[in-house]
Amino acid sequence: MRPTDAILLLFIVSVAGGCRDAEPPQTPVARIDNRTLTLESVRAQLDSTHGISDAQLQEYIRRWINNEILFDEAVRRGLDRDQRVTTRLEEVKRQLAINALLEEEIYNEKTLESPPEEIQAYYDKHQPEFALPTDLALVSFVLFSDRDAANSFRTAVLRGTPWSEALQATLADPQASDLVVARVDSMYHTQNTLFPVELWRVAAAGTRVGPSFPIQTNDGFYILIPWKLSRQGQTADLAYVEREIRGRLAMERRQRLLTTLIENLRARHAVEILVQSVDDDSTS
């Protein structure tokens, strides 16, 4: 062996060894014959966002062992080569391939995109479909643990400070921010979603836009401002139904894409429909 060949071989071996060393270690949790189940593979199959409990792990191990034993027995009996099994496998394979094609061509993130002008045009054309089934209020509120802090915030807004700026100033003040328990900015609510109930009474009063007096509850003191109140039967704001419109547009877009795809693919084939109807006694 030439010296250069020896050096090259040594380099390849060292690189290969380094790659093996870089692989993360696997943690075996169960073994049957020469097959091993690892904790990493269990985590890959289960939703481990919040961790896996001991009960989940043991249940997965139990099912894995049972499935392995049953599969081995099926193979021993030759059932993996049974015509019924191979036919079903082919059907599953065909459907998985079709699904992969549709996900690539139709059901992808790009087909979810709708420009603002398209959303506005759909909203303008279908406004009667967006009649509100119940009263709806667009509100902002801040919950304080102290009445004086709530009053100070309300006074700032009454004196002309925009709501958002008054809130920013409050949160920037270490002493005042400690008294802010919760806050919501420009959200739509119905009577069934706005709690506590005292807030809906203020929001549904229909008075002019302005900060409420401190609303005392068990949680503290709310300052609420109702930006808009829409009554049942009125057309919902575009902002309220925008998500629904995006969904509708995506469905329509995907249906058009699917129709076009099938038409284009069909043109590549010689398609014949050999029967138009089936007689009632055709199976006899």
C-alpha atoms as a PDB file:
ATOM      1  CA  MET A   1       0.000   0.000   0.000  1.00  0.00           C
ATOM      2  CA  ARG A   2       1.307   3.398  -0.954  1.00  0.00           C
ATOM      3  CA  PRO A   3       1.834   5.932   1.873  1.00  0.00           C
ATOM      4  CA  THR A   4      -0.778   8.227   0.338  1.00  0.00           C
ATOM      5  CA  ASP A   5      -3.313   5.394   0.270  1.00  0.00           C
ATOM      6  CA  ALA A   6      -2.633   4.619   3.921  1.00  0.00           C
ATOM      7  CA  ILE A   7      -3.122   8.242   4.884  1.00  0.00           C
ATOM      8  CA  LEU A   8      -6.376   8.402   2.903  1.00  0.00           C
ATOM      9  CA  LEU A   9      -7.659   5.203   4.506  1.00  0.00           C
ATOM     10  CA  LEU A  10      -6.796   6.485   7.961  1.00  0.00           C
ATOM     11  CA  PHE A  11      -8.638   9.728   7.195  1.00  0.00           C
ATOM     12  CA  ILE A  12     -11.777   7.883   6.031  1.00  0.00           C
ATOM     13  CA  VAL A  13     -11.781   5.672   9.128  1.00  0.00           C
ATOM     14  CA  SER A  14     -11.349   8.639  11.443  1.00  0.00           C
ATOM     15  CA  VAL A  15     -14.150  10.569   9.722  1.00  0.00           C
ATOM     16  CA  ALA A  16     -16.456   7.552   9.891  1.00  0.00           C
ATOM     17  CA  GLY A  17     -15.636   7.082  13.542  1.00  0.00           C
ATOM     18  CA  GLY A  18     -16.298  10.749  14.183  1.00  0.00           C
ATOM     19  CA  CYS A  19     -19.713  10.493  12.490  1.00  0.00           C
ATOM     20  CA  ARG A  20     -20.610   7.544  14.663  1.00  0.00           C
ATOM     21  CA  ASP A  21     -19.532   9.396  17.755  1.00  0.00           C
ATOM     22  CA  ALA A  22     -21.716  12.359  16.733  1.00  0.00           C
ATOM     23  CA  GLU A  23     -24.898  10.249  16.672  1.00  0.00           C
ATOM     24  CA  PRO A  24     -27.045  10.895  19.743  1.00  0.00           C
ATOM     25  CA  PRO A  25     -27.296   7.918  22.076  1.00  0.00           C
ATOM     26  CA  GLN A  26     -30.507   5.892  21.974  1.00  0.00           C
ATOM     27  CA  THR A  27     -32.285   4.813  25.143  1.00  0.00           C
ATOM     28  CA  PRO A  28     -33.763   1.289  24.891  1.00  0.00           C
ATOM     29  CA  VAL A  29     -37.048   0.806  26.741  1.00  0.00           C
ATOM     30  CA  ALA A  30     -38.125  -2.628  25.500  1.00  0.00           C
ATOM     31  CA  ARG A  31     -36.732  -5.509  23.468  1.00  0.00           C
ATOM     32  CA  ILE A  32     -38.189  -8.521  21.741  1.00  0.00           C
ATOM     33  CA  ASP A  33     -35.816 -10.984  20.074  1.00  0.00           C
ATOM     34  CA  ASN A  34     -33.437  -8.802  18.016  1.00  0.00           C
ATOM     35  CA  ARG A  35     -35.685  -5.718  17.852  1.00  0.00           C
ATOM     36  CA  THR A  36     -35.388  -2.816  20.248  1.00  0.00           C
ATOM     37  CA  LEU A  37     -37.816  -0.042  21.048  1.00  0.00           C
ATOM     38  CA  THR A  38     -36.133   3.218  22.059  1.00  0.00           C
ATOM     39  CA  LEU A  39     -37.414   6.114  24.079  1.00  0.00           C
ATOM     40  CA  GLU A  40     -36.564   8.422  21.184  1.00  0.00           C
ATOM     41  CA  SER A  41     -38.843   6.522  18.801  1.00  0.00           C
ATOM     42  CA  VAL A  42     -41.655   6.632  21.369  1.00  0.00           C
ATOM     43  CA  ARG A  43     -41.277  10.393  21.681  1.00  0.00           C
ATOM     44  CA  ALA A  44     -41.343  10.708  17.897  1.00  0.00           C
ATOM     45  CA  GLN A  45     -44.680   8.881  17.766  1.00  0.00           C
ATOM     46  CA  LEU A  46     -46.343  10.580  20.730  1.00  0.00           C
ATOM     47  CA  ASP A  47     -46.972  14.248  21.406  1.00  0.00           C
ATOM     48  CA  SER A  48     -44.105  14.880  23.802  1.00  0.00           C
ATOM     49  CA  THR A  49     -44.499  18.664  23.909  1.00  0.00           C
ATOM     50  CA  HIS A  50     -45.350  18.503  27.595  1.00  0.00           C
ATOM     51  CA  GLY A  51     -43.420  15.312  28.299  1.00  0.00           C
ATOM     52  CA  ILE A  52     -44.504  11.675  28.382  1.00  0.00           C
ATOM     53  CA  SER A  53     -45.971  10.198  31.533  1.00  0.00           C
ATOM     54  CA  ASP A  54     -44.968   6.794  32.884  1.00  0.00           C
ATOM     55  CA  ALA A  55     -48.465   5.522  32.104  1.00  0.00           C
ATOM     56  CA  GLN A  56     -48.204   6.646  28.473  1.00  0.00           C
ATOM     57  CA  LEU A  57     -44.810   5.029  28.112  1.00  0.00           C
ATOM     58  CA  GLN A  58     -45.924   1.716  29.590  1.00  0.00           C
ATOM     59  CA  GLU A  59     -49.057   1.658  27.443  1.00  0.00           C
ATOM     60  CA  TYR A  60     -47.007   2.323  24.301  1.00  0.00           C
ATOM     61  CA  ILE A  61     -44.532  -0.421  25.242  1.00  0.00           C
ATOM     62  CA  ARG A  62     -47.391  -2.867  25.842  1.00  0.00           C
ATOM     63  CA  ARG A  63     -48.973  -2.130  22.462  1.00  0.00           C
ATOM     64  CA  TRP A  64     -45.598  -2.296  20.689  1.00  0.00           C
ATOM     65  CA  ILE A  65     -44.806  -5.732  22.149  1.00  0.00           C
ATOM     66  CA  ASN A  66     -48.276  -7.035  21.349  1.00  0.00           C
ATOM     67  CA  ASN A  67     -48.088  -5.779  17.772  1.00  0.00           C
ATOM     68  CA  GLU A  68     -44.636  -7.262  17.233  1.00  0.00           C
ATOM     69  CA  ILE A  69     -45.737 -10.655  18.562  1.00  0.00           C
ATOM     70  CA  LEU A  70     -48.914 -10.644  16.479  1.00  0.00           C
ATOM     71  CA  PHE A  71     -47.057  -9.564  13.343  1.00  0.00           C
ATOM     72  CA  ASP A  72     -44.478 -12.319  13.780  1.00  0.00           C
ATOM     73  CA  GLU A  73     -47.255 -14.884  14.053  1.00  0.00           C
ATOM     74  CA  ALA A  74     -48.988 -13.497  10.962  1.00  0.00           C
ATOM     75  CA  VAL A  75     -45.717 -13.732   9.002  1.00  0.00           C
ATOM     76  CA  ARG A  76     -45.128 -17.266  10.264  1.00  0.00           C
ATOM     77  CA  ARG A  77     -48.523 -18.252   8.896  1.00  0.00           C
ATOM     78  CA  GLY A  78     -47.822 -16.519   5.589  1.00  0.00           C
ATOM     79  CA  LEU A  79     -50.631 -14.044   6.042  1.00  0.00           C
ATOM     80  CA  ASP A  80     -48.401 -11.152   5.005  1.00  0.00           C
ATOM     81  CA  ARG A  81     -48.503 -12.686   1.516  1.00  0.00           C
ATOM     82  CA  ASP A  82     -52.246 -13.341   1.574  1.00  0.00           C
ATOM     83  CA  GLN A  83     -54.084 -11.880  -1.417  1.00  0.00           C
ATOM     84  CA  ARG A  84     -56.436  -9.924   0.834  1.00  0.00           C
ATOM     85  CA  VAL A  85     -53.519  -8.290   2.626  1.00  0.00           C
ATOM     86  CA  THR A  86     -51.568  -7.440  -0.513  1.00  0.00           C
ATOM     87  CA  THR A  87     -54.693  -5.998  -2.132  1.00  0.00           C
ATOM     88  CA  ARG A  88     -55.387  -3.770   0.854  1.00  0.00           C
ATOM     89  CA  LEU A  89     -51.722  -2.721   1.011  1.00  0.00           C
ATOM     90  CA  GLU A  90     -51.883  -1.707  -2.628  1.00  0.00           C
ATOM     91  CA  GLU A  91     -55.034   0.310  -1.972  1.00  0.00           C
ATOM     92  CA  VAL A  92     -53.414   2.050   0.996  1.00  0.00           C
ATOM     93  CA  LYS A  93     -50.287   2.736  -1.047  1.00  0.00           C
ATOM     94  CA  ARG A  94     -52.372   4.238  -3.869  1.00  0.00           C
ATOM     95  CA  GLN A  95     -54.313   6.458  -1.467  1.00  0.00           C
ATOM     96  CA  LEU A  96     -51.172   7.631   0.338  1.00  0.00           C
ATOM     97  CA  ALA A  97     -49.585   8.505  -2.998  1.00  0.00           C
ATOM     98  CA  ILE A  98     -52.709  10.417  -4.067  1.00  0.00           C
ATOM     99  CA  ASN A  99     -52.772  12.270  -0.748  1.00  0.00           C
ATOM    100  CA  ALA A 100     -49.103  13.193  -1.169  1.00  0.00           C
ATOM    101  CA  LEU A 101     -49.821  14.563  -4.650  1.00  0.00           C
ATOM    102  CA  LEU A 102     -52.801  16.588  -3.427  1.00  0.00           C
ATOM    103  CA  GLU A 103     -50.830  17.983  -0.497  1.00  0.00           C
ATOM    104  CA  GLU A 104     -48.077  19.020  -2.883  1.00  0.00           C
ATOM    105  CA  GLU A 105     -50.354  20.576  -5.501  1.00  0.00           C
ATOM    106  CA  ILE A 106     -53.545  21.612  -3.682  1.00  0.00           C
ATOM    107  CA  TYR A 107     -53.481  21.489   0.107  1.00  0.00           C
ATOM    108  CA  ASN A 108     -50.386  23.580   0.781  1.00  0.00           C
ATOM    109  CA  GLU A 109     -49.779  26.820   2.629  1.00  0.00           C
ATOM    110  CA  LYS A 110     -49.728  28.845  -0.579  1.00  0.00           C
ATOM    111  CA  THR A 111     -53.377  28.078  -1.297  1.00  0.00           C
ATOM    112  CA  LEU A 112     -54.319  29.631   2.051  1.00  0.00           C
ATOM    113  CA  GLU A 113     -53.008  33.051   1.066  1.00  0.00           C
ATOM    114  CA  SER A 114     -55.600  35.709   0.224  1.00  0.00           C
ATOM    115  CA  PRO A 115     -54.641  39.339  -0.474  1.00  0.00           C
ATOM    116  CA  PRO A 116     -56.619  42.057   1.374  1.00  0.00           C
ATOM    117  CA  GLU A 117     -58.380  43.217  -1.800  1.00  0.00           C
ATOM    118  CA  GLU A 118     -59.709  39.700  -2.448  1.00  0.00           C
ATOM    119  CA  ILE A 119     -61.016  39.459   1.112  1.00  0.00           C
ATOM    120  CA  GLN A 120     -62.660  42.882   0.835  1.00  0.00           C
ATOM    121  CA  ALA A 121     -64.290  41.996  -2.493  1.00  0.00           C
ATOM    122  CA  TYR A 122     -65.709  38.760  -1.066  1.00  0.00           C
ATOM    123  CA  TYR A 123     -67.011  40.583   1.991  1.00  0.00           C
ATOM    124  CA  ASP A 124     -68.712  43.261  -0.121  1.00  0.00           C
ATOM    125  CA  LYS A 125     -70.359  40.649  -2.337  1.00  0.00           C
ATOM    126  CA  HIS A 126     -71.591  38.380   0.460  1.00  0.00           C
ATOM    127  CA  GLN A 127     -72.546  40.827   3.206  1.00  0.00           C
ATOM    128  CA  PRO A 128     -76.039  39.346   3.726  1.00  0.00           C
ATOM    129  CA  GLU A 129     -74.350  36.085   4.720  1.00  0.00           C
ATOM    130  CA  PHE A 130     -72.588  37.797   7.613  1.00  0.00           C
ATOM    131  CA  ALA A 131     -75.610  38.975   9.578  1.00  0.00           C
ATOM    132  CA  LEU A 132     -74.899  38.719  13.284  1.00  0.00           C
ATOM    133  CA  PRO A 133     -76.866  36.048  15.163  1.00  0.00           C
ATOM    134  CA  THR A 134     -76.457  38.008  18.413  1.00  0.00           C
ATOM    135  CA  ASP A 135     -75.232  41.358  19.705  1.00  0.00           C
ATOM    136  CA  LEU A 136     -71.495  41.861  19.348  1.00  0.00           C
ATOM    137  CA  ALA A 137     -69.231  44.379  21.085  1.00  0.00           C
ATOM    138  CA  LEU A 138     -65.715  45.471  20.222  1.00  0.00           C
ATOM    139  CA  VAL A 139     -64.086  46.320  23.538  1.00  0.00           C
ATOM    140  CA  SER A 140     -60.833  46.979  25.334  1.00  0.00           C
ATOM    141  CA  PHE A 141     -60.395  46.761  29.072  1.00  0.00           C
ATOM    142  CA  VAL A 142     -57.795  46.854  31.807  1.00  0.00           C
ATOM    143  CA  LEU A 143     -58.183  45.138  35.165  1.00  0.00           C
ATOM    144  CA  PHE A 144     -56.576  46.833  38.151  1.00  0.00           C
ATOM    145  CA  SER A 145     -56.159  45.505  41.653  1.00  0.00           C
ATOM    146  CA  ASP A 146     -56.567  49.043  43.057  1.00  0.00           C
ATOM    147  CA  ARG A 147     -59.445  51.497  42.532  1.00  0.00           C
ATOM    148  CA  ASP A 148     -57.227  54.589  42.587  1.00  0.00           C
ATOM    149  CA  ALA A 149     -55.016  53.160  39.864  1.00  0.00           C
ATOM    150  CA  ALA A 150     -58.103  52.406  37.774  1.00  0.00           C
ATOM    151  CA  ASN A 151     -59.379  55.954  38.251  1.00  0.00           C
ATOM    152  CA  SER A 152     -55.997  57.438  37.307  1.00  0.00           C
ATOM    153  CA  PHE A 153     -55.973  55.454  34.075  1.00  0.00           C
ATOM    154  CA  ARG A 154     -59.554  56.493  33.278  1.00  0.00           C
ATOM    155  CA  THR A 155     -58.759  60.138  33.931  1.00  0.00           C
ATOM    156  CA  ALA A 156     -55.813  60.028  31.531  1.00  0.00           C
ATOM    157  CA  VAL A 157     -58.044  58.682  28.765  1.00  0.00           C
ATOM    158  CA  LEU A 158     -60.791  61.252  29.490  1.00  0.00           C
ATOM    159  CA  ARG A 159     -58.236  64.035  29.174  1.00  0.00           C
ATOM    160  CA  GLY A 160     -57.480  62.988  25.623  1.00  0.00           C
ATOM    161  CA  THR A 161     -54.674  60.480  25.919  1.00  0.00           C
ATOM    162  CA  PRO A 162     -55.322  57.662  23.440  1.00  0.00           C
ATOM    163  CA  TRP A 163     -56.176  54.378  25.127  1.00  0.00           C
ATOM    164  CA  SER A 164     -53.064  52.594  23.832  1.00  0.00           C
ATOM    165  CA  GLU A 165     -50.759  55.411  24.924  1.00  0.00           C
ATOM    166  CA  ALA A 166     -52.341  55.590  28.369  1.00  0.00           C
ATOM    167  CA  LEU A 167     -51.871  51.851  28.740  1.00  0.00           C
ATOM    168  CA  GLN A 168     -48.247  52.024  27.614  1.00  0.00           C
ATOM    169  CA  ALA A 169     -47.585  54.798  30.126  1.00  0.00           C
ATOM    170  CA  THR A 170     -49.181  52.732  32.888  1.00  0.00           C
ATOM    171  CA  LEU A 171     -47.142  49.663  32.043  1.00  0.00           C
ATOM    172  CA  ALA A 172     -43.951  51.744  31.867  1.00  0.00           C
ATOM    173  CA  ASP A 173     -44.490  52.931  35.453  1.00  0.00           C
ATOM    174  CA  PRO A 174     -43.170  50.150  37.761  1.00  0.00           C
ATOM    175  CA  GLN A 175     -45.574  51.011  40.588  1.00  0.00           C
ATOM    176  CA  ALA A 176     -48.616  51.327  38.334  1.00  0.00           C
ATOM    177  CA  SER A 177     -47.812  48.252  36.253  1.00  0.00           C
ATOM    178  CA  ASP A 178     -47.764  46.111  39.387  1.00  0.00           C
ATOM    179  CA  LEU A 179     -51.437  46.991  39.855  1.00  0.00           C
ATOM    180  CA  VAL A 180     -52.438  45.823  36.353  1.00  0.00           C
ATOM    181  CA  VAL A 181     -53.869  42.324  36.647  1.00  0.00           C
ATOM    182  CA  ALA A 182     -55.017  41.769  33.052  1.00  0.00           C
ATOM    183  CA  ARG A 183     -55.728  43.633  29.841  1.00  0.00           C
ATOM    184  CA  VAL A 184     -57.496  43.061  26.537  1.00  0.00           C
ATOM    185  CA  ASP A 185     -57.133  45.309  23.526  1.00  0.00           C
ATOM    186  CA  SER A 186     -59.780  45.592  20.781  1.00  0.00           C
ATOM    187  CA  MET A 187     -61.416  42.183  20.919  1.00  0.00           C
ATOM    188  CA  TYR A 188     -64.906  41.146  19.814  1.00  0.00           C
ATOM    189  CA  HIS A 189     -67.168  39.687  22.467  1.00  0.00           C
ATOM    190  CA  THR A 190     -70.723  38.487  22.795  1.00  0.00           C
ATOM    191  CA  GLN A 191     -72.651  38.172  26.024  1.00  0.00           C
ATOM    192  CA  ASN A 192     -71.539  34.546  26.210  1.00  0.00           C
ATOM    193  CA  THR A 193     -67.823  35.338  25.916  1.00  0.00           C
ATOM    194  CA  LEU A 194     -67.377  38.509  27.965  1.00  0.00           C
ATOM    195  CA  PHE A 195     -66.858  37.858  31.659  1.00  0.00           C
ATOM    196  CA  PRO A 196     -67.558  38.797  34.336  1.00  0.00           C
ATOM    197  CA  VAL A 197     -71.178  39.640  33.499  1.00  0.00           C
ATOM    198  CA  GLU A 198     -70.764  43.216  34.757  1.00  0.00           C
ATOM    199  CA  LEU A 199     -68.598  43.974  31.725  1.00  0.00           C
ATOM    200  CA  TRP A 200     -71.307  43.004  29.242  1.00  0.00           C
ATOM    201  CA  ARG A 201     -73.823  45.281  30.947  1.00  0.00           C
ATOM    202  CA  VAL A 202     -71.502  48.210  30.284  1.00  0.00           C
ATOM    203  CA  ALA A 203     -70.581  47.091  26.759  1.00  0.00           C
ATOM    204  CA  ALA A 204     -74.204  46.513  25.751  1.00  0.00           C
ATOM    205  CA  ALA A 205     -75.476  49.811  27.149  1.00  0.00           C
ATOM    206  CA  GLY A 206     -74.879  51.434  23.776  1.00  0.00           C
ATOM    207  CA  THR A 207     -73.628  54.728  25.189  1.00  0.00           C
ATOM    208  CA  ARG A 208     -71.022  56.890  23.496  1.00  0.00           C
ATOM    209  CA  VAL A 209     -67.453  55.676  23.223  1.00  0.00           C
ATOM    210  CA  GLY A 210     -65.544  56.444  26.402  1.00  0.00           C
ATOM    211  CA  PRO A 211     -63.923  54.737  29.357  1.00  0.00           C
ATOM    212  CA  SER A 212     -66.299  53.360  31.933  1.00  0.00           C
ATOM    213  CA  PHE A 213     -66.250  54.146  35.617  1.00  0.00           C
ATOM    214  CA  PRO A 214     -64.307  51.531  37.586  1.00  0.00           C
ATOM    215  CA  ILE A 215     -66.349  48.317  37.484  1.00  0.00           C
ATOM    216  CA  GLN A 216     -65.873  46.555  40.794  1.00  0.00           C
ATOM    217  CA  THR A 217     -65.765  42.749  40.655  1.00  0.00           C
ATOM    218  CA  ASN A 218     -64.312  39.953  42.720  1.00  0.00           C
ATOM    219  CA  ASP A 219     -61.203  40.142  40.537  1.00  0.00           C
ATOM    220  CA  GLY A 220     -60.586  43.863  40.954  1.00  0.00           C
ATOM    221  CA  PHE A 221     -61.572  47.057  39.144  1.00  0.00           C
ATOM    222  CA  TYR A 222     -62.155  47.088  35.388  1.00  0.00           C
ATOM    223  CA  ILE A 223     -61.930  50.085  33.108  1.00  0.00           C
ATOM    224  CA  LEU A 224     -63.709  49.156  29.897  1.00  0.00           C
ATOM    225  CA  ILE A 225     -64.182  51.071  26.672  1.00  0.00           C
ATOM    226  CA  PRO A 226     -66.763  49.842  24.115  1.00  0.00           C
ATOM    227  CA  TRP A 227     -65.449  50.858  20.720  1.00  0.00           C
ATOM    228  CA  LYS A 228     -68.455  49.574  18.813  1.00  0.00           C
ATOM    229  CA  LEU A 229     -71.696  47.723  19.504  1.00  0.00           C
ATOM    230  CA  SER A 230     -73.363  45.843  16.648  1.00  0.00           C
ATOM    231  CA  ARG A 231     -76.863  44.558  17.159  1.00  0.00           C
ATOM    232  CA  GLN A 232     -78.276  41.184  16.153  1.00  0.00           C
ATOM    233  CA  GLY A 233     -79.105  41.136  12.439  1.00  0.00           C
ATOM    234  CA  GLN A 234     -76.586  43.808  11.481  1.00  0.00           C
ATOM    235  CA  THR A 235     -73.702  42.952   9.180  1.00  0.00           C
ATOM    236  CA  ALA A 236     -70.605  41.875  11.073  1.00  0.00           C
ATOM    237  CA  ASP A 237     -67.424  43.900  10.698  1.00  0.00           C
ATOM    238  CA  LEU A 238     -64.934  42.607   8.174  1.00  0.00           C
ATOM    239  CA  ALA A 239     -62.353  42.124  10.923  1.00  0.00           C
ATOM    240  CA  TYR A 240     -64.757  39.819  12.772  1.00  0.00           C
ATOM    241  CA  VAL A 241     -65.441  37.529   9.794  1.00  0.00           C
ATOM    242  CA  GLU A 242     -62.062  37.795   8.064  1.00  0.00           C
ATOM    243  CA  ARG A 243     -60.925  34.387   9.259  1.00  0.00           C
ATOM    244  CA  GLU A 244     -64.107  32.770   7.958  1.00  0.00           C
ATOM    245  CA  ILE A 245     -63.680  34.516   4.608  1.00  0.00           C
ATOM    246  CA  ARG A 246     -60.092  33.312   4.345  1.00  0.00           C
ATOM    247  CA  GLY A 247     -61.342  29.765   4.902  1.00  0.00           C
ATOM    248  CA  ARG A 248     -64.036  30.096   2.265  1.00  0.00           C
ATOM    249  CA  LEU A 249     -61.621  31.544  -0.275  1.00  0.00           C
ATOM    250  CA  ALA A 250     -59.121  28.769   0.411  1.00  0.00           C
ATOM    251  CA  MET A 251     -61.803  26.118  -0.160  1.00  0.00           C
ATOM    252  CA  GLU A 252     -62.898  27.713  -3.424  1.00  0.00           C
ATOM    253  CA  ARG A 253     -59.306  28.138  -4.580  1.00  0.00           C
ATOM    254  CA  ARG A 254     -58.458  24.534  -3.789  1.00  0.00           C
ATOM    255  CA  GLN A 255     -61.561  23.267  -5.560  1.00  0.00           C
ATOM    256  CA  ARG A 256     -60.611  25.204  -8.692  1.00  0.00           C
ATOM    257  CA  LEU A 257     -57.051  23.905  -8.530  1.00  0.00           C
ATOM    258  CA  LEU A 258     -58.276  20.342  -8.089  1.00  0.00           C
ATOM    259  CA  THR A 259     -60.634  20.632 -11.053  1.00  0.00           C
ATOM    260  CA  THR A 260     -57.882  22.087 -13.233  1.00  0.00           C
ATOM    261  CA  LEU A 261     -55.395  19.429 -12.133  1.00  0.00           C
ATOM    262  CA  ILE A 262     -57.779  16.574 -12.923  1.00  0.00           C
ATOM    263  CA  GLU A 263     -58.711  18.080 -16.298  1.00  0.00           C
ATOM    264  CA  ASN A 264     -55.047  18.506 -17.270  1.00  0.00           C
ATOM    265  CA  LEU A 265     -54.137  14.998 -16.168  1.00  0.00           C
ATOM    266  CA  ARG A 266     -57.176  13.484 -17.822  1.00  0.00           C
ATOM    267  CA  ALA A 267     -56.142  15.017 -21.142  1.00  0.00           C
ATOM    268  CA  ARG A 268     -53.015  12.849 -21.045  1.00  0.00           C
ATOM    269  CA  HIS A 269     -55.008   9.619 -20.971  1.00  0.00           C
ATOM    270  CA  ALA A 270     -57.445   7.803 -23.222  1.00  0.00           C
ATOM    271  CA  VAL A 271     -60.487   7.720 -20.964  1.00  0.00           C
ATOM    272  CA  GLU A 272     -63.555   5.687 -21.898  1.00  0.00           C
ATOM    273  CA  ILE A 273     -66.764   5.329 -19.914  1.00  0.00           C
ATOM    274  CA  LEU A 274     -68.239   2.029 -21.075  1.00  0.00           C
ATOM    275  CA  VAL A 275     -71.533   2.093 -19.206  1.00  0.00           C
ATOM    276  CA  GLN A 276     -74.040   4.822 -18.445  1.00  0.00           C
ATOM    277  CA  SER A 277     -76.436   2.952 -16.182  1.00  0.00           C
ATOM    278  CA  VAL A 278     -76.842  -0.392 -14.441  1.00  0.00           C
ATOM    279  CA  ASP A 279     -80.001  -2.469 -14.766  1.00  0.00           C
ATOM    280  CA  ASP A 280     -81.589  -3.670 -11.548  1.00  0.00           C
ATOM    281  CA  ASP A 281     -81.021  -7.305 -12.491  1.00  0.00           C
ATOM    282  CA  SER A 282     -77.466  -6.832 -13.731  1.00  0.00           C
ATOM    283  CA  THR A 283     -75.999  -8.747 -10.814  1.00  0.00           C
ATOM    284  CA  SER A 284     -78.233 -11.800 -11.310  1.00  0.00           C
END
